[in-house]
Amino acid sequence: MKYLLDTSWAIHYLRGEERVVKKLLSLREEGLATSIITLAELYEGVFRSINPVLAEEALKDFLMGISILGIDEEVCKIFGRERARLRKLGKPIGDLDLLIASTCLRYDLTLLSDNIKEFERVENLKIFKGA
């Protein structure tokens, strides 16, 4: 695995946005993963859609070949350290985004996200810029 998909990129892919579809297809062989947090956010979208059955099928197709990474003690430790650091700086980010970033750091992955401004605050996080 080399890359971790954030919710924004997964949504772009599921909507068929060409720039993201092309980029993810080219990166797939290098190894793609996503966080259990992203999966939860994507399921929210499934159940908010007009046709949840069809939306869930599309999500399951998308997830084939993508590793889903959970939250373990190391992710929690990274989360706690970064949350404390960011709060001291007065620059906190949302807890779900921080859990996604912590998962990325835990597995030494590069984050694929459009939410660069938020994620840039996380120390040592590698972010892929440009799709």
Foldseek 3Di string as FASTA:
>chain_A
DAEEEALALVVCVLVPPPFSVVVCVVCLVVAYEYEVLSVVVQLVVLVVDPHNVVSVVSVVVVCVSYHYDYDDPQLVVLLVVQQVVCVVVVHHADSSVSSRQSSCVVVVHEYEDPPCVNSVSGPPHHYDPDD
